[in-house]
PDB file of N, CA and C in Angstrom:
ATOM      1  N   THR A   1      43.056   5.898  33.170  1.00  0.00           N
ATOM      2  CA  THR A   1      43.152   6.936  34.179  1.00  0.00           C
ATOM      3  C   THR A   1      42.423   6.498  35.446  1.00  0.00           C
ATOM      4  N   CYS A   2      42.575   7.281  36.464  1.00  0.00           N
ATOM      5  CA  CYS A   2      41.953   6.984  37.763  1.00  0.00           C
ATOM      6  C   CYS A   2      40.423   7.002  37.658  1.00  0.00           C
ATOM      7  N   LEU A   3      39.890   7.976  36.930  1.00  0.00           N
ATOM      8  CA  LEU A   3      38.438   8.076  36.775  1.00  0.00           C
ATOM      9  C   LEU A   3      37.879   6.851  36.055  1.00  0.00           C
ATOM     10  N   GLU A   4      38.578   6.383  35.034  1.00  0.00           N
ATOM     11  CA  GLU A   4      38.127   5.194  34.309  1.00  0.00           C
ATOM     12  C   GLU A   4      38.121   3.965  35.215  1.00  0.00           C
ATOM     13  N   GLU A   5      39.115   3.847  36.084  1.00  0.00           N
ATOM     14  CA  GLU A   5      39.168   2.726  37.025  1.00  0.00           C
ATOM     15  C   GLU A   5      38.009   2.790  38.016  1.00  0.00           C
ATOM     16  N   ILE A   6      37.687   3.991  38.466  1.00  0.00           N
ATOM     17  CA  ILE A   6      36.563   4.168  39.395  1.00  0.00           C
ATOM     18  C   ILE A   6      35.257   3.782  38.719  1.00  0.00           C
ATOM     19  N   LEU A   7      35.060   4.234  37.482  1.00  0.00           N
ATOM     20  CA  LEU A   7      33.832   3.907  36.749  1.00  0.00           C
ATOM     21  C   LEU A   7      33.731   2.410  36.487  1.00  0.00           C
ATOM     22  N   LYS A   8      34.865   1.780  36.175  1.00  0.00           N
ATOM     23  CA  LYS A   8      34.859   0.336  35.945  1.00  0.00           C
ATOM     24  C   LYS A   8      34.500  -0.400  37.235  1.00  0.00           C
ATOM     25  N   SER A   9      35.051   0.030  38.359  1.00  0.00           N
ATOM     26  CA  SER A   9      34.728  -0.586  39.650  1.00  0.00           C
ATOM     27  C   SER A   9      33.255  -0.390  39.995  1.00  0.00           C
ATOM     28  N   LEU A  10      32.725   0.784  39.679  1.00  0.00           N
ATOM     29  CA  LEU A  10      31.309   1.052  39.918  1.00  0.00           C
ATOM     30  C   LEU A  10      30.441   0.128  39.070  1.00  0.00           C
ATOM     31  N   ASP A  11      30.808  -0.060  37.807  1.00  0.00           N
ATOM     32  CA  ASP A  11      30.059  -0.968  36.935  1.00  0.00           C
ATOM     33  C   ASP A  11      30.074  -2.398  37.480  1.00  0.00           C
ATOM     34  N   VAL A  12      31.221  -2.839  37.984  1.00  0.00           N
ATOM     35  CA  VAL A  12      31.326  -4.183  38.561  1.00  0.00           C
ATOM     36  C   VAL A  12      30.424  -4.290  39.792  1.00  0.00           C
ATOM     37  N   TYR A  13      30.448  -3.270  40.641  1.00  0.00           N
ATOM     38  CA  TYR A  13      29.607  -3.250  41.839  1.00  0.00           C
ATOM     39  C   TYR A  13      28.128  -3.316  41.461  1.00  0.00           C
ATOM     40  N   LEU A  14      27.715  -2.500  40.501  1.00  0.00           N
ATOM     41  CA  LEU A  14      26.307  -2.491  40.091  1.00  0.00           C
ATOM     42  C   LEU A  14      25.913  -3.818  39.452  1.00  0.00           C
ATOM     43  N   GLU A  15      26.827  -4.438  38.726  1.00  0.00           N
ATOM     44  CA  GLU A  15      26.541  -5.737  38.122  1.00  0.00           C
ATOM     45  C   GLU A  15      26.301  -6.795  39.201  1.00  0.00           C
ATOM     46  N   THR A  16      27.057  -6.745  40.298  1.00  0.00           N
ATOM     47  CA  THR A  16      26.819  -7.711  41.381  1.00  0.00           C
ATOM     48  C   THR A  16      25.439  -7.496  41.998  1.00  0.00           C
ATOM     49  N   LYS A  17      25.022  -6.247  42.118  1.00  0.00           N
ATOM     50  CA  LYS A  17      23.683  -5.953  42.647  1.00  0.00           C
ATOM     51  C   LYS A  17      22.608  -6.431  41.679  1.00  0.00           C
ATOM     52  N   ARG A  18      22.861  -6.306  40.379  1.00  0.00           N
ATOM     53  CA  ARG A  18      21.897  -6.771  39.374  1.00  0.00           C
ATOM     54  C   ARG A  18      21.768  -8.293  39.404  1.00  0.00           C
ATOM     55  N   GLN A  19      22.864  -8.982  39.666  1.00  0.00           N
ATOM     56  CA  GLN A  19      22.799 -10.442  39.750  1.00  0.00           C
ATOM     57  C   GLN A  19      21.985 -10.879  40.963  1.00  0.00           C
ATOM     58  N   ILE A  20      22.058 -10.127  42.041  1.00  0.00           N
ATOM     59  CA  ILE A  20      21.295 -10.443  43.252  1.00  0.00           C
ATOM     60  C   ILE A  20      19.817 -10.112  43.060  1.00  0.00           C
ATOM     61  N   PHE A  21      19.538  -8.994  42.392  1.00  0.00           N
ATOM     62  CA  PHE A  21      18.163  -8.520  42.197  1.00  0.00           C
ATOM     63  C   PHE A  21      17.978  -8.178  40.713  1.00  0.00           C
ATOM     64  N   PRO A  22      17.591  -9.176  39.895  1.00  0.00           N
ATOM     65  CA  PRO A  22      17.550  -8.999  38.440  1.00  0.00           C
ATOM     66  C   PRO A  22      16.677  -7.854  37.921  1.00  0.00           C
ATOM     67  N   ARG A  23      15.725  -7.368  38.700  1.00  0.00           N
ATOM     68  CA  ARG A  23      14.917  -6.239  38.224  1.00  0.00           C
ATOM     69  C   ARG A  23      15.771  -4.999  37.976  1.00  0.00           C
ATOM     70  N   PHE A  24      16.944  -4.940  38.605  1.00  0.00           N
ATOM     71  CA  PHE A  24      17.856  -3.819  38.378  1.00  0.00           C
ATOM     72  C   PHE A  24      18.382  -3.788  36.942  1.00  0.00           C
ATOM     73  N   TYR A  25      18.307  -4.908  36.215  1.00  0.00           N
ATOM     74  CA  TYR A  25      18.764  -4.916  34.825  1.00  0.00           C
ATOM     75  C   TYR A  25      17.933  -3.973  33.955  1.00  0.00           C
ATOM     76  N   PHE A  26      16.742  -3.641  34.390  1.00  0.00           N
ATOM     77  CA  PHE A  26      15.857  -2.779  33.609  1.00  0.00           C
ATOM     78  C   PHE A  26      15.970  -1.315  34.011  1.00  0.00           C
ATOM     79  N   MET A  27      16.968  -0.984  34.819  1.00  0.00           N
ATOM     80  CA  MET A  27      17.154   0.393  35.299  1.00  0.00           C
ATOM     81  C   MET A  27      18.495   0.943  34.859  1.00  0.00           C
ATOM     82  N   SER A  28      18.532   2.242  34.785  1.00  0.00           N
ATOM     83  CA  SER A  28      19.800   2.908  34.489  1.00  0.00           C
ATOM     84  C   SER A  28      20.694   2.858  35.725  1.00  0.00           C
ATOM     85  N   ASN A  29      21.980   3.057  35.513  1.00  0.00           N
ATOM     86  CA  ASN A  29      22.914   3.113  36.644  1.00  0.00           C
ATOM     87  C   ASN A  29      22.543   4.242  37.597  1.00  0.00           C
ATOM     88  N   ASP A  30      22.117   5.387  37.053  1.00  0.00           N
ATOM     89  CA  ASP A  30      21.729   6.521  37.901  1.00  0.00           C
ATOM     90  C   ASP A  30      20.572   6.157  38.828  1.00  0.00           C
ATOM     91  N   ASP A  31      19.532   5.515  38.276  1.00  0.00           N
ATOM     92  CA  ASP A  31      18.393   5.108  39.104  1.00  0.00           C
ATOM     93  C   ASP A  31      18.817   4.096  40.164  1.00  0.00           C
ATOM     94  N   MET A  32      19.668   3.164  39.770  1.00  0.00           N
ATOM     95  CA  MET A  32      20.142   2.169  40.737  1.00  0.00           C
ATOM     96  C   MET A  32      20.895   2.813  41.883  1.00  0.00           C
ATOM     97  N   LEU A  33      21.765   3.771  41.559  1.00  0.00           N
ATOM     98  CA  LEU A  33      22.545   4.439  42.604  1.00  0.00           C
ATOM     99  C   LEU A  33      21.640   5.199  43.564  1.00  0.00           C
ATOM    100  N   LYS A  34      20.586   5.823  43.022  1.00  0.00           N
ATOM    101  CA  LYS A  34      19.633   6.517  43.895  1.00  0.00           C
ATOM    102  C   LYS A  34      18.946   5.529  44.834  1.00  0.00           C
ATOM    103  N   ILE A  35      18.493   4.417  44.274  1.00  0.00           N
ATOM    104  CA  ILE A  35      17.793   3.416  45.074  1.00  0.00           C
ATOM    105  C   ILE A  35      18.714   2.812  46.128  1.00  0.00           C
ATOM    106  N   LEU A  36      19.913   2.451  45.736  1.00  0.00           N
ATOM    107  CA  LEU A  36      20.854   1.863  46.694  1.00  0.00           C
ATOM    108  C   LEU A  36      21.241   2.868  47.776  1.00  0.00           C
ATOM    109  N   GLY A  37      21.337   4.130  47.398  1.00  0.00           N
ATOM    110  CA  GLY A  37      21.676   5.163  48.373  1.00  0.00           C
ATOM    111  C   GLY A  37      20.569   5.423  49.378  1.00  0.00           C
ATOM    112  N   LEU A  38      19.336   5.126  48.991  1.00  0.00           N
ATOM    113  CA  LEU A  38      18.186   5.349  49.874  1.00  0.00           C
ATOM    114  C   LEU A  38      17.735   4.084  50.589  1.00  0.00           C
ATOM    115  N   SER A  39      18.472   3.011  50.441  1.00  0.00           N
ATOM    116  CA  SER A  39      18.005   1.711  50.933  1.00  0.00           C
ATOM    117  C   SER A  39      17.745   1.670  52.435  1.00  0.00           C
ATOM    118  N   LYS A  40      18.343   2.542  53.205  1.00  0.00           N
ATOM    119  CA  LYS A  40      18.113   2.572  54.656  1.00  0.00           C
ATOM    120  C   LYS A  40      16.959   3.499  55.041  1.00  0.00           C
ATOM    121  N   ASN A  41      16.325   4.123  54.043  1.00  0.00           N
ATOM    122  CA  ASN A  41      15.248   5.071  54.307  1.00  0.00           C
ATOM    123  C   ASN A  41      14.012   4.675  53.491  1.00  0.00           C
ATOM    124  N   PRO A  42      13.188   3.760  54.012  1.00  0.00           N
ATOM    125  CA  PRO A  42      12.041   3.265  53.249  1.00  0.00           C
ATOM    126  C   PRO A  42      11.102   4.357  52.752  1.00  0.00           C
ATOM    127  N   LYS A  43      10.897   5.394  53.546  1.00  0.00           N
ATOM    128  CA  LYS A  43       9.987   6.470  53.133  1.00  0.00           C
ATOM    129  C   LYS A  43      10.522   7.191  51.894  1.00  0.00           C
ATOM    130  N   ALA A  44      11.819   7.429  51.847  1.00  0.00           N
ATOM    131  CA  ALA A  44      12.421   8.109  50.696  1.00  0.00           C
ATOM    132  C   ALA A  44      12.460   7.216  49.460  1.00  0.00           C
ATOM    133  N   MET A  45      12.360   5.903  49.654  1.00  0.00           N
ATOM    134  CA  MET A  45      12.368   4.953  48.533  1.00  0.00           C
ATOM    135  C   MET A  45      11.041   4.917  47.778  1.00  0.00           C
ATOM    136  N   GLN A  46       9.976   5.399  48.398  1.00  0.00           N
ATOM    137  CA  GLN A  46       8.632   5.274  47.827  1.00  0.00           C
ATOM    138  C   GLN A  46       8.530   5.716  46.361  1.00  0.00           C
ATOM    139  N   PRO A  47       9.094   6.866  45.972  1.00  0.00           N
ATOM    140  CA  PRO A  47       8.955   7.278  44.569  1.00  0.00           C
ATOM    141  C   PRO A  47       9.613   6.321  43.572  1.00  0.00           C
ATOM    142  N   HIS A  48      10.467   5.442  44.044  1.00  0.00           N
ATOM    143  CA  HIS A  48      11.187   4.533  43.149  1.00  0.00           C
ATOM    144  C   HIS A  48      10.551   3.148  43.056  1.00  0.00           C
ATOM    145  N   MET A  49       9.480   2.904  43.793  1.00  0.00           N
ATOM    146  CA  MET A  49       8.852   1.582  43.792  1.00  0.00           C
ATOM    147  C   MET A  49       8.388   1.161  42.405  1.00  0.00           C
ATOM    148  N   GLU A  50       7.789   2.093  41.663  1.00  0.00           N
ATOM    149  CA  GLU A  50       7.289   1.746  40.332  1.00  0.00           C
ATOM    150  C   GLU A  50       8.411   1.379  39.376  1.00  0.00           C
ATOM    151  N   LYS A  51       9.616   1.880  39.636  1.00  0.00           N
ATOM    152  CA  LYS A  51      10.749   1.526  38.780  1.00  0.00           C
ATOM    153  C   LYS A  51      11.150   0.068  38.982  1.00  0.00           C
ATOM    154  N   CYS A  52      10.930  -0.449  40.178  1.00  0.00           N
ATOM    155  CA  CYS A  52      11.246  -1.852  40.467  1.00  0.00           C
ATOM    156  C   CYS A  52      10.076  -2.774  40.145  1.00  0.00           C
ATOM    157  N   PHE A  53       8.884  -2.334  40.498  1.00  0.00           N
ATOM    158  CA  PHE A  53       7.681  -3.144  40.336  1.00  0.00           C
ATOM    159  C   PHE A  53       6.627  -2.276  39.652  1.00  0.00           C
ATOM    160  N   GLY A  54       6.455  -2.463  38.369  1.00  0.00           N
ATOM    161  CA  GLY A  54       5.635  -1.594  37.541  1.00  0.00           C
ATOM    162  C   GLY A  54       4.254  -1.262  38.065  1.00  0.00           C
ATOM    163  N   SER A  55       3.585  -2.203  38.702  1.00  0.00           N
ATOM    164  CA  SER A  55       2.211  -1.944  39.128  1.00  0.00           C
ATOM    165  C   SER A  55       2.100  -1.517  40.592  1.00  0.00           C
ATOM    166  N   ILE A  56       3.219  -1.457  41.301  1.00  0.00           N
ATOM    167  CA  ILE A  56       3.188  -1.037  42.706  1.00  0.00           C
ATOM    168  C   ILE A  56       3.665   0.404  42.810  1.00  0.00           C
ATOM    169  N   LYS A  57       2.773   1.268  43.274  1.00  0.00           N
ATOM    170  CA  LYS A  57       3.129   2.681  43.415  1.00  0.00           C
ATOM    171  C   LYS A  57       3.930   2.929  44.681  1.00  0.00           C
ATOM    172  N   SER A  58       3.518   2.287  45.779  1.00  0.00           N
ATOM    173  CA  SER A  58       4.209   2.500  47.048  1.00  0.00           C
ATOM    174  C   SER A  58       3.874   1.373  48.013  1.00  0.00           C
ATOM    175  N   LEU A  59       4.557   1.409  49.136  1.00  0.00           N
ATOM    176  CA  LEU A  59       4.290   0.463  50.214  1.00  0.00           C
ATOM    177  C   LEU A  59       3.580   1.178  51.349  1.00  0.00           C
ATOM    178  N   LYS A  60       2.732   0.456  52.031  1.00  0.00           N
ATOM    179  CA  LYS A  60       2.100   0.987  53.242  1.00  0.00           C
ATOM    180  C   LYS A  60       3.085   0.721  54.376  1.00  0.00           C
ATOM    181  N   LEU A  61       3.578   1.792  54.981  1.00  0.00           N
ATOM    182  CA  LEU A  61       4.641   1.681  55.976  1.00  0.00           C
ATOM    183  C   LEU A  61       4.116   1.871  57.390  1.00  0.00           C
ATOM    184  N   ASP A  62       4.793   1.237  58.324  1.00  0.00           N
ATOM    185  CA  ASP A  62       4.470   1.344  59.741  1.00  0.00           C
ATOM    186  C   ASP A  62       5.767   1.120  60.511  1.00  0.00           C
ATOM    187  N   LYS A  63       5.709   1.316  61.820  1.00  0.00           N
ATOM    188  CA  LYS A  63       6.862   1.025  62.682  1.00  0.00           C
ATOM    189  C   LYS A  63       6.390   0.217  63.867  1.00  0.00           C
ATOM    190  N   ARG A  64       7.200  -0.746  64.241  1.00  0.00           N
ATOM    191  CA  ARG A  64       6.939  -1.539  65.427  1.00  0.00           C
ATOM    192  C   ARG A  64       8.256  -1.684  66.174  1.00  0.00           C
ATOM    193  N   GLU A  65       8.255  -1.280  67.431  1.00  0.00           N
ATOM    194  CA  GLU A  65       9.478  -1.299  68.236  1.00  0.00           C
ATOM    195  C   GLU A  65      10.602  -0.535  67.528  1.00  0.00           C
ATOM    196  N   ASN A  66      10.228   0.577  66.934  1.00  0.00           N
ATOM    197  CA  ASN A  66      11.154   1.471  66.227  1.00  0.00           C
ATOM    198  C   ASN A  66      11.811   0.818  65.013  1.00  0.00           C
ATOM    199  N   LYS A  67      11.191  -0.234  64.474  1.00  0.00           N
ATOM    200  CA  LYS A  67      11.693  -0.897  63.273  1.00  0.00           C
ATOM    201  C   LYS A  67      10.714  -0.643  62.137  1.00  0.00           C
ATOM    202  N   PRO A  68      11.219  -0.272  60.957  1.00  0.00           N
ATOM    203  CA  PRO A  68      10.324  -0.018  59.830  1.00  0.00           C
ATOM    204  C   PRO A  68       9.725  -1.316  59.287  1.00  0.00           C
ATOM    205  N   LEU A  69       8.428  -1.257  59.001  1.00  0.00           N
ATOM    206  CA  LEU A  69       7.698  -2.403  58.468  1.00  0.00           C
ATOM    207  C   LEU A  69       6.916  -1.996  57.232  1.00  0.00           C
ATOM    208  N   ALA A  70       6.793  -2.917  56.295  1.00  0.00           N
ATOM    209  CA  ALA A  70       5.847  -2.767  55.194  1.00  0.00           C
ATOM    210  C   ALA A  70       4.652  -3.639  55.552  1.00  0.00           C
ATOM    211  N   THR A  71       3.479  -3.023  55.627  1.00  0.00           N
ATOM    212  CA  THR A  71       2.278  -3.765  56.015  1.00  0.00           C
ATOM    213  C   THR A  71       1.340  -4.011  54.841  1.00  0.00           C
ATOM    214  N   GLY A  72       1.682  -3.449  53.690  1.00  0.00           N
ATOM    215  CA  GLY A  72       0.868  -3.639  52.503  1.00  0.00           C
ATOM    216  C   GLY A  72       1.472  -2.913  51.327  1.00  0.00           C
ATOM    217  N   MET A  73       0.800  -3.025  50.195  1.00  0.00           N
ATOM    218  CA  MET A  73       1.259  -2.324  48.993  1.00  0.00           C
ATOM    219  C   MET A  73       0.089  -1.591  48.359  1.00  0.00           C
ATOM    220  N   ILE A  74       0.417  -0.506  47.675  1.00  0.00           N
ATOM    221  CA  ILE A  74      -0.591   0.328  47.027  1.00  0.00           C
ATOM    222  C   ILE A  74      -0.303   0.320  45.537  1.00  0.00           C
ATOM    223  N   SER A  75      -1.303  -0.055  44.749  1.00  0.00           N
ATOM    224  CA  SER A  75      -1.126  -0.139  43.301  1.00  0.00           C
ATOM    225  C   SER A  75      -1.173   1.245  42.674  1.00  0.00           C
ATOM    226  N   ALA A  76      -0.805   1.309  41.411  1.00  0.00           N
ATOM    227  CA  ALA A  76      -0.859   2.565  40.667  1.00  0.00           C
ATOM    228  C   ALA A  76      -2.290   3.093  40.593  1.00  0.00           C
ATOM    229  N   ASP A  77      -3.279   2.204  40.704  1.00  0.00           N
ATOM    230  CA  ASP A  77      -4.691   2.600  40.685  1.00  0.00           C
ATOM    231  C   ASP A  77      -5.216   2.974  42.064  1.00  0.00           C
ATOM    232  N   GLY A  78      -4.374   2.859  43.096  1.00  0.00           N
ATOM    233  CA  GLY A  78      -4.785   3.210  44.450  1.00  0.00           C
ATOM    234  C   GLY A  78      -5.337   2.059  45.267  1.00  0.00           C
ATOM    235  N   GLU A  79      -5.364   0.865  44.692  1.00  0.00           N
ATOM    236  CA  GLU A  79      -5.859  -0.306  45.421  1.00  0.00           C
ATOM    237  C   GLU A  79      -4.825  -0.722  46.468  1.00  0.00           C
ATOM    238  N   ILE A  80      -5.294  -0.973  47.675  1.00  0.00           N
ATOM    239  CA  ILE A  80      -4.407  -1.356  48.776  1.00  0.00           C
ATOM    240  C   ILE A  80      -4.552  -2.850  49.046  1.00  0.00           C
ATOM    241  N   THR A  81      -3.424  -3.528  49.094  1.00  0.00           N
ATOM    242  CA  THR A  81      -3.389  -4.945  49.439  1.00  0.00           C
ATOM    243  C   THR A  81      -2.567  -5.097  50.709  1.00  0.00           C
ATOM    244  N   ALA A  82      -3.209  -5.554  51.772  1.00  0.00           N
ATOM    245  CA  ALA A  82      -2.509  -5.742  53.049  1.00  0.00           C
ATOM    246  C   ALA A  82      -1.728  -7.049  53.010  1.00  0.00           C
ATOM    247  N   PHE A  83      -0.554  -7.037  53.603  1.00  0.00           N
ATOM    248  CA  PHE A  83       0.235  -8.255  53.736  1.00  0.00           C
ATOM    249  C   PHE A  83      -0.295  -9.060  54.919  1.00  0.00           C
ATOM    250  N   ILE A  84      -0.304 -10.370  54.804  1.00  0.00           N
ATOM    251  CA  ILE A  84      -0.712 -11.222  55.923  1.00  0.00           C
ATOM    252  C   ILE A  84       0.282 -11.067  57.068  1.00  0.00           C
ATOM    253  N   PHE A  85       1.559 -11.047  56.720  1.00  0.00           N
ATOM    254  CA  PHE A  85       2.620 -10.841  57.700  1.00  0.00           C
ATOM    255  C   PHE A  85       3.415  -9.610  57.296  1.00  0.00           C
ATOM    256  N   PRO A  86       3.610  -8.657  58.196  1.00  0.00           N
ATOM    257  CA  PRO A  86       4.420  -7.480  57.869  1.00  0.00           C
ATOM    258  C   PRO A  86       5.854  -7.886  57.514  1.00  0.00           C
ATOM    259  N   VAL A  87       6.469  -7.096  56.660  1.00  0.00           N
ATOM    260  CA  VAL A  87       7.850  -7.341  56.239  1.00  0.00           C
ATOM    261  C   VAL A  87       8.751  -6.350  56.957  1.00  0.00           C
ATOM    262  N   GLU A  88       9.725  -6.869  57.706  1.00  0.00           N
ATOM    263  CA  GLU A  88      10.683  -6.000  58.380  1.00  0.00           C
ATOM    264  C   GLU A  88      11.648  -5.447  57.341  1.00  0.00           C
ATOM    265  N   LEU A  89      11.661  -4.131  57.190  1.00  0.00           N
ATOM    266  CA  LEU A  89      12.448  -3.516  56.131  1.00  0.00           C
ATOM    267  C   LEU A  89      13.915  -3.355  56.482  1.00  0.00           C
ATOM    268  N   ASP A  90      14.249  -3.435  57.744  1.00  0.00           N
ATOM    269  CA  ASP A  90      15.665  -3.335  58.082  1.00  0.00           C
ATOM    270  C   ASP A  90      16.396  -4.651  57.837  1.00  0.00           C
ATOM    271  N   LYS A  91      15.648  -5.719  57.552  1.00  0.00           N
ATOM    272  CA  LYS A  91      16.248  -7.018  57.237  1.00  0.00           C
ATOM    273  C   LYS A  91      16.087  -7.373  55.770  1.00  0.00           C
ATOM    274  N   ALA A  92      15.297  -6.607  55.049  1.00  0.00           N
ATOM    275  CA  ALA A  92      15.002  -6.929  53.655  1.00  0.00           C
ATOM    276  C   ALA A  92      16.187  -6.642  52.765  1.00  0.00           C
TER     277      ALA A  92
END
């Protein structure tokens, strides 16, 4: 049926994303879809960081020239580690 074809195409799409980013293999399809849907909104992605990286609770975010940057990471214990070089999130 049409629905089965859509689900099969979705599985193929998610598998390609898992091959690019293997940590997705440890997530459900639902979690992956949420993360992929929020990929343009770093602030909304924060609650999902631990699903990708077990010991990272969130990223320390900033903006420079209206571009989102990650300037550090915050562990589940609250420890903050600053990045030597900020990561541009619109290119990540």
